[in-house]
Each structure stands twice: as structure tokens, then as C-alpha cells.
Protein backbone atom coordinates (compact mmCIF):
# COMPACT_ATOMS: atom_id res chain seq x y z
CA MET A 1 -0.08 0.06 0.10
CA SER A 2 1.50 3.51 -0.97
CA ARG A 3 1.99 6.44 1.70
CA LEU A 4 -0.88 8.11 -0.50
CA GLN A 5 -2.96 5.56 0.41
CA VAL A 6 -2.12 4.60 3.98
CA ARG A 7 -2.96 8.50 4.49
CA SER A 8 -6.05 8.41 2.74
CA PHE A 9 -7.23 5.06 4.52
CA SER A 10 -6.01 7.01 8.18
CA ASN A 11 -8.18 10.43 7.57
CA SER A 12 -11.26 8.03 6.65
CA VAL A 13 -11.08 6.78 9.71
CA SER A 14 -10.24 10.16 11.95
CA SER A 15 -13.03 11.69 9.81
CA HIS A 16 -15.38 8.88 11.26
CA ALA A 17 -14.36 9.29 14.79
CA ASN A 18 -14.63 13.32 14.37
CA GLU A 19 -18.15 12.92 12.90
CA LEU A 20 -19.12 10.55 16.10
CA LEU A 21 -17.33 13.35 18.30
CA ASP A 22 -19.59 15.83 15.92
CA LYS A 23 -23.03 13.47 16.72
CA LEU A 24 -22.46 13.95 20.70
CA GLN A 25 -21.71 17.54 20.57
CA GLY A 26 -24.57 18.10 18.28
CA HIS A 27 -26.91 16.15 20.71
CA LEU A 28 -25.38 18.10 23.55
CA HIS A 29 -26.59 21.36 22.29
CA SER A 30 -30.05 19.92 21.14
CA ARG A 31 -30.68 19.08 24.83
CA THR A 32 -31.45 15.24 23.30
CA LEU A 33 -28.32 13.86 24.96
CA ARG A 34 -29.32 10.49 26.07
CA PRO A 35 -27.12 8.51 28.71
CA ASP A 36 -27.48 5.58 27.18
CA LEU A 37 -26.72 6.98 23.38
CA VAL A 38 -23.82 9.21 24.80
CA HIS A 39 -22.13 5.55 25.70
CA GLN A 40 -22.87 4.13 22.34
CA LEU A 41 -21.63 6.61 20.32
CA PHE A 42 -18.51 6.97 22.89
CA ASP A 43 -17.59 3.54 22.70
CA GLU A 44 -17.71 3.30 18.82
CA MET A 45 -15.61 6.07 18.84
CA LEU A 46 -12.73 4.40 20.80
CA ARG A 47 -13.09 1.64 18.59
CA GLN A 48 -11.50 3.61 15.91
CA PRO A 49 -7.62 2.67 14.87
CA VAL A 50 -7.12 6.65 15.00
CA PRO A 51 -8.50 8.71 18.06
CA VAL A 52 -10.04 11.93 17.76
CA SER A 53 -7.73 14.80 19.18
CA VAL A 54 -7.46 15.57 22.93
CA ARG A 55 -8.52 19.32 22.28
CA ALA A 56 -11.83 17.71 20.60
CA LEU A 57 -12.45 15.40 23.59
CA ASN A 58 -11.71 18.19 26.09
CA GLY A 59 -14.13 20.53 23.85
CA LEU A 60 -16.58 17.73 24.56
CA PHE A 61 -16.16 17.14 28.26
CA ALA A 62 -15.87 21.00 28.93
CA ALA A 63 -19.39 21.08 27.10
CA LEU A 64 -21.17 18.41 29.56
CA ALA A 65 -19.21 20.22 32.39
CA ARG A 66 -21.44 23.30 31.87
CA ALA A 67 -24.59 21.52 30.36
CA PRO A 68 -28.00 22.30 32.29
CA SER A 69 -30.03 19.69 33.77
CA SER A 70 -32.65 18.38 31.45
CA THR A 71 -35.33 15.73 31.70
CA ILE A 72 -33.15 13.30 29.58
CA CYS A 73 -29.88 14.27 31.32
CA THR A 74 -30.17 14.82 34.85
CA ASP A 75 -26.19 15.35 35.40
CA ALA A 76 -23.87 15.82 32.52
CA PRO A 77 -20.68 16.65 34.30
CA ALA A 78 -21.20 12.90 35.89
CA LEU A 79 -21.36 11.52 32.74
CA ALA A 80 -18.14 13.26 31.48
CA ILE A 81 -16.45 11.55 34.45
CA ASP A 82 -18.09 8.04 33.40
CA LEU A 83 -16.75 8.76 30.08
CA PHE A 84 -13.63 9.65 30.82
CA ASN A 85 -12.97 6.56 32.83
CA ARG A 86 -14.54 4.43 29.79
CA MET A 87 -11.88 6.43 27.88
CA ALA A 88 -9.16 5.60 30.36
CA ARG A 89 -10.03 1.64 30.80
CA ALA A 90 -9.54 1.64 26.90
CA GLY A 91 -5.93 1.73 26.89
CA ARG A 92 -3.24 4.23 25.62
CA ARG A 93 -2.82 3.09 22.72
CA GLN A 94 -6.90 3.61 21.77
CA VAL A 95 -6.88 7.18 23.54
CA PRO A 96 -4.83 10.48 23.45
CA ALA A 97 -3.35 11.14 26.69
CA PRO A 98 -5.17 13.27 29.44
CA THR A 99 -3.56 17.04 29.35
CA ILE A 100 -3.84 19.66 32.29
CA HIS A 101 -6.93 21.38 30.76
CA THR A 102 -8.27 17.31 30.46
CA TYR A 103 -8.03 17.18 34.36
CA SER A 104 -9.06 20.65 35.20
CA ILE A 105 -12.70 20.09 33.12
CA LEU A 106 -12.59 16.92 35.35
CA ILE A 107 -12.14 18.34 38.44
CA GLU A 108 -14.72 20.83 38.06
CA CYS A 109 -17.20 18.21 36.80
CA CYS A 110 -16.65 16.66 40.00
CA GLN A 111 -17.43 19.72 41.59
CA ARG A 112 -20.71 20.52 39.35
CA ALA A 113 -21.92 17.00 39.85
CA CYS A 114 -21.65 17.27 44.02
CA ARG A 115 -18.68 14.71 44.12
CA PRO A 116 -15.77 16.79 45.81
CA ASP A 117 -14.29 13.86 46.83
CA LEU A 118 -13.98 12.38 43.33
CA GLY A 119 -12.01 15.72 42.16
CA LEU A 120 -9.39 15.05 45.00
CA ALA A 121 -8.91 11.81 43.59
CA PHE A 122 -8.62 13.39 39.68
CA PHE A 123 -6.25 15.86 41.21
CA GLY A 124 -4.04 13.32 43.21
CA ARG A 125 -4.01 11.17 39.82
CA LEU A 126 -2.49 14.62 37.73
CA LEU A 127 0.22 14.55 40.46
CA LYS A 128 1.69 11.41 39.62
CA THR A 129 1.66 11.54 35.97
CA GLY A 130 4.12 14.62 36.36
CA ILE A 131 2.03 17.14 34.27
CA LYS A 132 2.76 20.63 35.40
CA THR A 133 -0.32 22.28 37.38
CA ASN A 134 -1.57 25.35 36.80
CA ALA A 135 -3.91 28.13 38.65
CA ILE A 136 -7.44 26.77 37.06
CA THR A 137 -6.70 23.19 38.63
CA TYR A 138 -5.94 24.57 41.72
CA SER A 139 -8.89 26.70 41.93
CA SER A 140 -11.02 23.93 41.14
CA LEU A 141 -9.26 21.70 43.75
CA LEU A 142 -9.83 24.37 46.51
CA LYS A 143 -13.49 24.80 45.39
CA CYS A 144 -13.92 20.96 45.91
CA LEU A 145 -12.09 21.24 49.48
CA CYS A 146 -14.70 24.03 50.23
CA ASP A 147 -17.44 21.93 49.24
CA MET A 148 -16.27 19.03 51.68
CA LYS A 149 -16.47 21.90 54.42
CA ARG A 150 -12.15 21.65 54.45
CA THR A 151 -11.77 25.41 54.08
CA GLU A 152 -9.01 25.63 56.63
CA GLU A 153 -7.22 22.62 54.41
CA ALA A 154 -7.91 24.68 51.44
CA LEU A 155 -5.87 27.84 53.06
CA GLY A 156 -3.28 25.62 53.61
CA VAL A 157 -3.22 24.49 50.01
CA LEU A 158 -3.39 28.04 48.85
CA LEU A 159 -0.25 29.50 51.37
CA HIS A 160 1.97 26.19 51.75
CA ARG A 161 1.56 23.95 48.57
CA MET A 162 0.62 25.90 45.94
CA PRO A 163 3.82 26.97 43.76
CA ASP A 164 4.42 30.60 44.82
CA ASP A 165 3.29 32.21 40.93
CA LEU A 166 0.20 30.28 40.88
CA PRO A 167 -2.21 31.76 43.53
CA ASN A 168 -4.00 34.44 42.28
CA ALA A 169 -7.75 36.68 42.92
CA ILE A 170 -9.74 34.05 41.70
CA SER A 171 -7.78 31.26 43.82
CA TYR A 172 -8.11 33.52 46.58
CA SER A 173 -11.85 34.40 46.43
CA VAL A 174 -12.60 30.79 46.81
CA ILE A 175 -11.42 30.45 50.11
CA LEU A 176 -12.93 33.95 50.58
CA LYS A 177 -16.16 33.29 49.53
CA SER A 178 -16.15 29.93 51.78
CA PHE A 179 -15.00 31.67 54.75
CA CYS A 180 -17.76 34.04 54.70
CA ASP A 181 -20.82 31.69 53.69
CA SER A 182 -19.37 29.81 57.11
CA GLY A 183 -19.79 33.29 59.08
CA ARG A 184 -16.08 33.86 59.68
CA SER A 185 -15.45 37.48 57.84
CA GLN A 186 -13.25 38.37 60.58
CA LEU A 187 -10.83 35.63 59.56
CA VAL A 188 -11.32 36.62 56.12
CA LEU A 189 -10.55 40.61 56.68
CA ASP A 190 -6.80 39.25 58.09
CA LEU A 191 -6.52 37.07 54.82
CA LEU A 192 -7.51 40.11 52.54
CA ARG A 193 -4.97 42.12 54.65
CA MET A 194 -2.31 39.85 54.15
CA MET A 195 -2.91 39.96 50.08
CA ALA A 196 -3.02 43.41 50.48
CA GLU A 197 0.24 43.22 51.78
CA LYS A 198 2.44 40.82 49.33
CA GLY A 199 0.68 42.88 46.56
CA SER A 200 1.42 42.12 42.69
CA ASP A 201 -1.00 39.14 41.32
CA HIS A 202 -1.94 38.42 45.34
CA SER A 203 -3.71 41.78 45.60
CA PRO A 204 -7.37 41.62 46.34
CA SER A 205 -10.15 42.68 43.69
CA VAL A 206 -12.99 44.25 43.93
CA VAL A 207 -14.86 40.83 43.74
CA SER A 208 -12.70 39.97 46.86
CA TYR A 209 -13.37 42.98 48.98
CA SER A 210 -17.33 42.74 47.83
CA LEU A 211 -17.60 39.42 48.73
CA VAL A 212 -16.41 40.14 52.17
CA ILE A 213 -18.57 43.44 52.81
CA ASP A 214 -21.38 41.09 51.57
CA GLY A 215 -20.05 38.52 54.38
CA PHE A 216 -19.89 41.62 57.41
CA PHE A 217 -23.78 42.35 56.27
CA LYS A 218 -25.06 39.08 56.44
CA GLU A 219 -23.36 38.78 60.00
CA GLY A 220 -24.91 42.18 60.74
CA GLU A 221 -21.56 43.67 61.12
CA ILE A 222 -22.83 47.08 59.56
CA SER A 223 -19.79 49.47 60.71
CA LYS A 224 -17.49 46.31 59.25
CA ALA A 225 -18.68 46.58 56.22
CA CYS A 226 -18.19 50.94 56.05
CA ASN A 227 -14.78 50.47 57.26
CA LEU A 228 -13.59 47.82 54.98
CA LEU A 229 -15.52 50.01 52.10
CA HIS A 230 -13.18 52.94 53.18
CA GLU A 231 -9.87 50.77 53.29
CA MET A 232 -11.09 49.52 49.77
CA MET A 233 -11.01 52.53 48.41
CA GLN A 234 -7.48 53.80 50.43
CA GLN A 235 -5.83 50.60 48.50
CA GLY A 236 -6.87 52.27 45.18
CA VAL A 237 -9.45 49.53 44.41
CA VAL A 238 -12.50 51.25 42.53
CA PRO A 239 -16.45 49.94 44.03
CA ASP A 240 -18.22 48.24 41.79
CA VAL A 241 -21.92 47.54 41.20
CA VAL A 242 -21.86 44.29 43.16
CA THR A 243 -20.30 46.55 45.66
CA TYR A 244 -22.98 49.40 45.86
CA ASN A 245 -25.83 46.42 45.78
CA SER A 246 -24.48 45.02 48.88
CA PHE A 247 -24.88 48.67 50.69
CA ILE A 248 -28.25 49.37 49.09
CA ASP A 249 -29.46 46.15 49.94
CA ALA A 250 -28.40 45.79 53.85
CA LEU A 251 -29.77 49.05 54.49
CA CYS A 252 -33.23 48.73 52.12
CA LYS A 253 -33.87 45.41 54.62
CA ALA A 254 -32.87 47.36 57.77
CA ARG A 255 -35.60 49.95 56.32
CA ALA A 256 -33.31 53.14 56.41
CA MET A 257 -34.63 53.67 52.66
CA GLU A 258 -33.03 58.04 53.39
CA LYS A 259 -29.15 56.21 53.80
CA ALA A 260 -29.94 53.69 50.80
CA GLU A 261 -31.00 56.57 48.66
CA VAL A 262 -27.42 58.56 49.57
CA VAL A 263 -25.55 55.35 48.70
CA LEU A 264 -27.56 55.41 45.32
CA ARG A 265 -27.20 59.02 44.77
CA SER A 266 -23.37 58.49 45.57
CA MET A 267 -22.90 55.13 43.45
CA VAL A 268 -24.21 57.23 40.05
CA HIS A 269 -21.99 60.01 40.83
CA ASN A 270 -19.19 58.14 40.83
CA GLY A 271 -20.05 56.81 37.20
CA VAL A 272 -21.42 53.35 38.35
CA GLN A 273 -25.00 53.13 36.60
CA PRO A 274 -27.64 50.97 38.99
CA ASN A 275 -28.75 47.56 37.41
CA ALA A 276 -32.55 45.41 37.95
CA VAL A 277 -30.51 44.20 41.51
CA THR A 278 -30.18 47.70 42.53
CA TYR A 279 -33.80 48.96 41.85
CA SER A 280 -35.28 45.58 43.00
CA SER A 281 -33.78 46.02 46.56
CA LEU A 282 -34.60 49.61 46.93
CA ILE A 283 -38.35 48.60 45.67
CA GLN A 284 -38.67 45.70 47.95
CA GLY A 285 -37.53 48.42 50.85
CA TYR A 286 -40.17 50.90 49.85
CA SER A 287 -42.69 48.25 49.30
CA THR A 288 -42.52 46.66 52.98
CA LEU A 289 -42.96 50.40 54.43
CA GLY A 290 -46.02 51.01 52.17
CA GLN A 291 -44.45 53.63 50.07
CA LEU A 292 -46.19 52.84 47.04
CA LYS A 293 -44.98 56.26 45.22
CA GLU A 294 -41.81 55.28 45.71
CA VAL A 295 -42.31 52.15 44.23
CA ALA A 296 -44.00 53.47 41.08
CA ARG A 297 -41.20 56.14 40.84
CA LEU A 298 -38.57 53.40 41.10
CA LEU A 299 -40.77 51.14 38.09
CA LYS A 300 -41.08 54.45 36.10
CA ALA A 301 -37.01 54.84 36.49
CA MET A 302 -36.24 51.32 35.58
CA ARG A 303 -38.55 51.28 32.47
CA SER A 304 -37.11 54.30 31.31
CA GLN A 305 -33.83 52.12 31.19
CA GLY A 306 -35.24 49.47 29.57
CA SER A 307 -35.06 47.15 32.33
CA MET A 308 -37.70 45.70 34.54
CA PRO A 309 -37.34 44.02 38.03
CA GLY A 310 -37.29 40.06 38.56
CA VAL A 311 -40.50 38.28 38.90
CA VAL A 312 -39.72 37.39 42.83
CA ILE A 313 -39.90 41.42 43.44
CA CYS A 314 -42.97 42.13 41.13
CA SER A 315 -44.81 39.32 42.53
CA SER A 316 -44.15 40.84 45.97
CA VAL A 317 -45.19 44.16 45.00
CA MET A 318 -48.48 42.77 43.46
CA ASP A 319 -49.08 40.95 46.82
CA TYR A 320 -48.65 44.20 48.93
CA LEU A 321 -50.95 45.78 46.51
CA CYS A 322 -53.54 43.23 46.46
CA LYS A 323 -53.79 43.08 50.16
CA HIS A 324 -54.17 46.80 50.02
CA GLY A 325 -57.00 46.62 47.71
CA ARG A 326 -55.13 48.35 44.61
CA ILE A 327 -55.82 45.48 42.63
CA LYS A 328 -55.52 47.36 39.03
CA ASP A 329 -52.20 48.44 40.06
CA ALA A 330 -51.24 44.97 40.55
CA GLU A 331 -53.02 43.91 37.62
CA GLU A 332 -50.86 46.40 35.59
CA ILE A 333 -47.54 45.40 37.10
CA PHE A 334 -48.71 41.65 36.41
CA TYR A 335 -49.31 42.12 32.73
CA SER A 336 -46.18 44.44 32.00
CA MET A 337 -43.96 41.42 33.09
CA ALA A 338 -44.75 39.38 30.09
CA VAL A 339 -44.32 42.84 27.80
CA ASN A 340 -40.89 43.24 29.17
CA GLY A 341 -39.88 39.72 28.82
CA ARG A 342 -40.33 38.69 32.29
CA LYS A 343 -42.42 35.39 32.24
CA PRO A 344 -44.72 35.46 35.34
CA ASP A 345 -44.78 32.16 37.43
CA ILE A 346 -47.48 30.60 39.38
CA VAL A 347 -47.00 32.52 42.61
CA SER A 348 -47.24 35.83 40.09
CA TYR A 349 -50.65 34.04 38.84
CA THR A 350 -51.71 32.93 42.42
CA ILE A 351 -51.45 36.44 44.23
CA MET A 352 -53.50 38.05 41.06
CA LEU A 353 -56.03 35.28 41.21
CA HIS A 354 -56.49 35.88 45.08
CA GLY A 355 -56.51 39.55 44.05
CA TYR A 356 -59.49 39.24 41.81
CA ALA A 357 -61.26 36.50 44.28
CA ILE A 358 -61.36 39.72 47.31
CA GLU A 359 -62.82 41.82 44.56
CA GLY A 360 -65.36 39.23 43.56
CA SER A 361 -64.05 39.48 39.65
CA LEU A 362 -65.00 36.08 38.37
CA VAL A 363 -64.95 36.67 35.02
CA LYS A 364 -61.56 37.90 34.87
CA MET A 365 -60.40 34.84 37.12
CA ILE A 366 -61.26 32.47 34.26
CA ASP A 367 -59.30 34.90 32.21
CA LEU A 368 -56.31 34.31 34.19
CA CYS A 369 -56.58 30.54 33.52
CA GLU A 370 -56.92 30.12 30.29
CA LEU A 371 -53.81 32.24 30.24
CA MET A 372 -52.18 30.20 32.54
CA ALA A 373 -52.71 27.11 30.20
CA ARG A 374 -51.70 29.29 27.26
CA ASP A 375 -48.32 29.69 28.95
CA GLY A 376 -47.80 26.24 30.42
CA VAL A 377 -48.27 27.19 33.91
CA VAL A 378 -49.58 24.28 36.08
CA PRO A 379 -51.82 25.25 38.87
CA ASP A 380 -50.79 24.03 42.26
CA LEU A 381 -53.18 23.43 45.72
CA ARG A 382 -53.29 27.13 46.87
CA CYS A 383 -54.34 28.13 43.20
CA PHE A 384 -57.32 25.54 42.91
CA ASN A 385 -58.14 26.60 46.46
CA ILE A 386 -58.37 30.43 46.04
CA LEU A 387 -60.73 29.44 42.49
CA ILE A 388 -62.93 27.05 44.20
CA ASN A 389 -63.29 29.06 47.43
CA ALA A 390 -64.31 32.29 44.99
CA TYR A 391 -66.70 30.56 43.47
CA ALA A 392 -68.35 28.48 46.22
CA LYS A 393 -68.45 31.94 48.31
CA TYR A 394 -70.94 33.35 45.53
CA GLY A 395 -73.00 29.88 45.43
CA MET A 396 -71.59 28.87 41.88
CA MET A 397 -71.19 25.18 42.89
CA ASP A 398 -71.17 23.84 39.39
CA VAL A 399 -68.28 25.61 38.66
CA ALA A 400 -66.47 24.93 42.05
CA MET A 401 -66.96 21.48 41.29
CA LEU A 402 -65.51 21.32 38.01
CA PHE A 403 -62.23 22.84 39.84
CA LEU A 404 -62.21 20.39 42.04
CA GLU A 405 -62.22 17.64 38.97
CA ASP A 406 -59.82 19.30 37.37
CA MET A 407 -57.66 19.41 40.31
CA LEU A 408 -57.76 15.48 40.70
CA LYS A 409 -57.63 15.05 37.15
CA GLN A 410 -53.81 16.99 37.46
CA GLY A 411 -53.11 14.97 40.15
CA VAL A 412 -53.05 17.90 42.91
CA LYS A 413 -54.38 16.18 46.55
CA PRO A 414 -57.03 18.25 47.77
CA ASN A 415 -56.31 19.37 51.94
CA GLU A 416 -58.67 20.02 54.68
CA PHE A 417 -59.40 23.83 53.31
CA THR A 418 -60.56 22.06 50.24
CA TYR A 419 -62.95 20.12 51.36
CA LEU A 420 -64.35 22.41 54.37
CA THR A 421 -64.72 25.34 51.50
CA VAL A 422 -67.20 22.84 49.65
CA ILE A 423 -68.88 21.35 52.88
CA SER A 424 -69.39 24.59 53.96
CA ALA A 425 -71.29 25.97 50.86
CA PHE A 426 -73.09 22.93 50.50
CA CYS A 427 -74.46 23.06 54.10
CA LYS A 428 -75.40 26.66 53.79
CA MET A 429 -77.35 26.06 50.50
CA GLY A 430 -78.98 23.09 52.60
CA ARG A 431 -77.51 20.45 49.86
CA MET A 432 -76.86 18.09 52.97
CA ASP A 433 -76.56 15.11 50.39
CA ASP A 434 -73.97 16.76 48.43
CA ALA A 435 -71.77 17.62 51.45
CA MET A 436 -72.25 14.22 52.92
CA GLU A 437 -70.75 12.79 49.55
CA LYS A 438 -67.69 15.47 50.00
CA PHE A 439 -67.32 14.22 53.42
CA SER A 440 -67.04 10.83 52.58
CA GLU A 441 -64.71 11.10 49.58
CA MET A 442 -62.60 13.06 52.15
CA ILE A 443 -62.44 10.36 54.74
CA ASP A 444 -61.54 7.78 51.43
CA MET A 445 -58.90 10.49 50.04
CA GLY A 446 -57.23 10.42 53.73
CA VAL A 447 -57.76 14.01 53.94
CA PRO A 448 -57.48 14.41 57.96
CA VAL A 449 -60.78 15.39 59.24
CA ASP A 450 -60.75 18.23 61.75
CA THR A 451 -63.09 19.86 64.02
CA GLU A 452 -64.07 22.55 61.87
CA VAL A 453 -65.44 20.00 59.39
CA TYR A 454 -67.35 18.24 61.94
CA MET A 455 -68.90 20.64 63.37
CA CYS A 456 -70.28 21.57 59.79
CA MET A 457 -71.78 18.94 58.81
CA VAL A 458 -73.70 18.51 62.35
CA GLU A 459 -74.62 22.36 62.50
CA GLY A 460 -76.17 21.84 58.54
CA TYR A 461 -78.38 19.04 59.30
CA PHE A 462 -79.93 20.89 62.53
CA ASN A 463 -79.95 24.51 60.82
CA HIS A 464 -82.10 22.70 58.18
CA GLY A 465 -84.19 20.51 60.75
CA ASP A 466 -82.83 17.58 60.30
CA SER A 467 -82.07 16.44 63.75
CA MET A 468 -82.60 12.79 63.05
CA LYS A 469 -79.75 12.84 60.52
CA ALA A 470 -77.40 15.17 62.76
CA GLU A 471 -77.77 12.07 65.09
CA LYS A 472 -76.90 9.79 62.91
CA PHE A 473 -73.74 11.31 61.71
CA ILE A 474 -72.60 12.01 65.13
CA THR A 475 -73.15 8.06 65.92
CA LYS A 476 -71.67 7.07 62.81
CA MET A 477 -68.47 9.24 63.12
CA LYS A 478 -68.50 8.00 66.59
CA ASN A 479 -68.12 4.35 65.58
CA ARG A 480 -65.40 5.61 62.87
CA ASP A 481 -63.42 7.12 65.64
CA ILE A 482 -63.87 10.60 64.87
CA HIS A 483 -65.19 12.47 67.29
CA HIS A 484 -65.74 16.06 67.77
CA LYS A 485 -65.09 18.99 70.33
CA LEU A 486 -67.70 21.40 71.22
CA ARG A 487 -67.01 25.02 70.34
CA LYS A 488 -67.22 27.56 72.88
CA GLY A 489 -70.14 28.80 73.48
CA ASN A 490 -72.23 25.78 72.31
């Protein structure tokens, strides 16, 4: 066979291996990547005489490391680890040797797959290969140690085991965040000052300072946070939007809105533009205090900048408005969410349904249910209870029963409130046979029968002149070991 023929055969085989890799990447990007299909394609790829390049494999592992969870593939980072182990078992002749980038990606996969212990094992394997480590690999190792609540050990690695040229602001930030999360901000402050003394690549960045400032706020150490901001600026580190947001959020939670506004003005004066997080904190603060004019001012300011608060903040404001009878204002925010690219969730829908129920807007409730269905938002227990209660309140039991049937069809189990609502409505209307039917259904469903439901049935029979059935009901319930407690005053 001539050299040309050998080269042509080699290229053909290599091309097939790359085609298999492209298939894997294609399924990954389209989120149709099933684990069994991955193993099938990957094993076929490993059987090719000429392997794909290590760079291409690293690309696949990196994509798996960052792939979001889906119903088809719930843990892509764990899948990447499994593929590497299959590759290692195939033998060195069939696969390219892992590089430092391979190990860095795998250690990150271990951390993302919530298996930091495996990350340490991969790091140990890396050291045995003699491959020179880098800052990225060490940062992934530090994350694994911190996830295992071994932050002191991670700090020891950072200070004493890492080569002097490797520690950087990212490595330090991993340790800083872990200590802050565990409420040890004072220790972090000492580490921050040590970084500043070392200078050069060790110097703390604005991210490092912001982490510690946020940690102090979470621990209620407001004066220490303010002192650190001053110290930070003395070191020539300019606060960014994250730093300012920490201050504004803490002040808003403390209901110190005037001080929060001062920080906001200082922020803008220093050339840092507020973002959605900034406004959301302020809106939440004013909403808690009931200062709706200020909320409206901030919402208008956000819209003028082409921004909109997140669904959680919008829902919080809507809830406040509905509870204070301002349903139209809440409705305006609800419908503006979709216009501004914020899809309402089940909480948002439930708040609006409750608002409409308060003012008796039953038609609007139906319209909102239809919108929920179009948006693919599935009603939950609270949502169904609001609907059933609203229609039962107005004696429209046929509609209320349709919602109860729909509730059961969707696998949402009714609770005590659901049945109390229905039974109480039937009892008031004198429809005792229907009430008894729902009472029996309640018992069959395994829903606990409380005193209120029990007394509702007894009073229903008595109020509608059927004392004999009331006595029979009491006897029947006693035989089932269901006893009532007399209300005070009875």
C-alpha cells in the first residue's frame, strides 16, 4: 500500500471518529443527549483505530461540565466523568493522553456533580503524571475542598502547597467566599489584608472586597463593612455595582431608605450605573414600608432604562397591592411583566387570582386561568383552593366542582381547606346529600377530618331541620372513631 493510500485510509478513519464526536456535540446542544446514546457513540468512537484529538475530547468534556440539567440527561458533569473513566479503561493506544486541561475540566465536573471527593482523587492522579499544574486546576481543587467543608485545608494548600507563581485573585476568592458563607468574615478580613501586603497578583480585587463586605452585612457587622469600603478605596480599588448593591440591599432590609438613597446618589456620582438588582432592593424596601409612590417612581425609572425587576420582586409588590385593595395597580405590573420579557410564574398567577377573588372579579379569574394554560403554568394546591373558594363563596358550586375535578385529574390532592370550603358551601345551601358525599370522599382520600369540618356537617343538619340525620351522623362518626369537640359557647 502506498503512502498516499495509507494517509487516505487514516484520514477516513479519523474523519469517522470526528463525525461521532460531532454527533455527541449535536445532541448535547439540542438537549437530546441520552446517557445510553452517549455511551453507544462514545464506545464506537473509542473503537476507531485513529482517535480524535485530545483538544476535541476536552471540548466535549467542557460542554458536558456546563450543560444544564434536563429530563433526558439530569447530570451531564457526572456523565463526563464516566466517559473519561471508559476512555481510561480503553488503554493508551486507543486514546490520547489527558492534558492539564483535561484534568482541570474533570475536577470542575466533580465539583458540579456534587462529588468533590472524586475531584481530589483526580488531582492526586494528575500529580502522579508529572504534568505541570496551573492556577485553574488549583482553583477547581480549592472549590472541591471548600464544598467538603475543609476550608482550612484549602487555605493551607493556597498558602503552603501551591507554587508561588500560581495563587491569584480567583484562588483567594474561592477561600474568601467559603469563609464568608460560614460566617467567619473576621478571619477573611485578615486574609484580605495579607493579600494586600503581598501585592502583585495576590492583591485583592473589587470582587474579593465585595465578597467580604457582603459577608459582614449578612453577619450584621455594618460598621465593619463600612470601614472595609473605606479601606478598599484607600487601596485604590474602585467599588463596582456589586459592592454598592450590597450596601443598598442591607440598608433597605434595615428599612433605612434615606441612607440607601444617599448610597444610590453616591453610586451614580462615581459613574456606576444602578442595575436591576439595585432597583429591586429599593423597590422591596419601599414596598415593605408601604411607600407605593416611591415604588412607582422606581418602576418608572427602570422602564425608562429598558429594564424591569425580576419576577420575585414584581410578585412581592403585587402581593402588597392586592392586600391593600389596589388590584388594578397589581394587574398593571402583572401584564407589564410579559411585555418586558419577565414570564409570570405560579406565584404571580396565584397572587393575581387572589386579588381578583377579593374583589369578586370571577370572569377575570377564568381569563387568567386560560392565560395560565397558554403559558404552560400548572396550577398548584393554593391556586385551586383560591378558585374553588371564590366560586363557592358566590354559591356557584357547579363551577367550583369543575375546578375540584380538574384538580384531581392533574394529580393535585385536595387538603382540609379544599373540603371545608366545599362542604361548608353545600351545608349553607341545604344541599346536605352533596355535603355528605364530599365528606365521605374526604375520608376516602385520607384527608384529616378536623373539628371545623365535623361541626359544619352537624350544624348543617340541625340548621335545616334534620336533627335525626344529625344524630345519626354523630353516631356514625363515633363508630369510625372520629369525635368532635364542642365549640366554646355551644
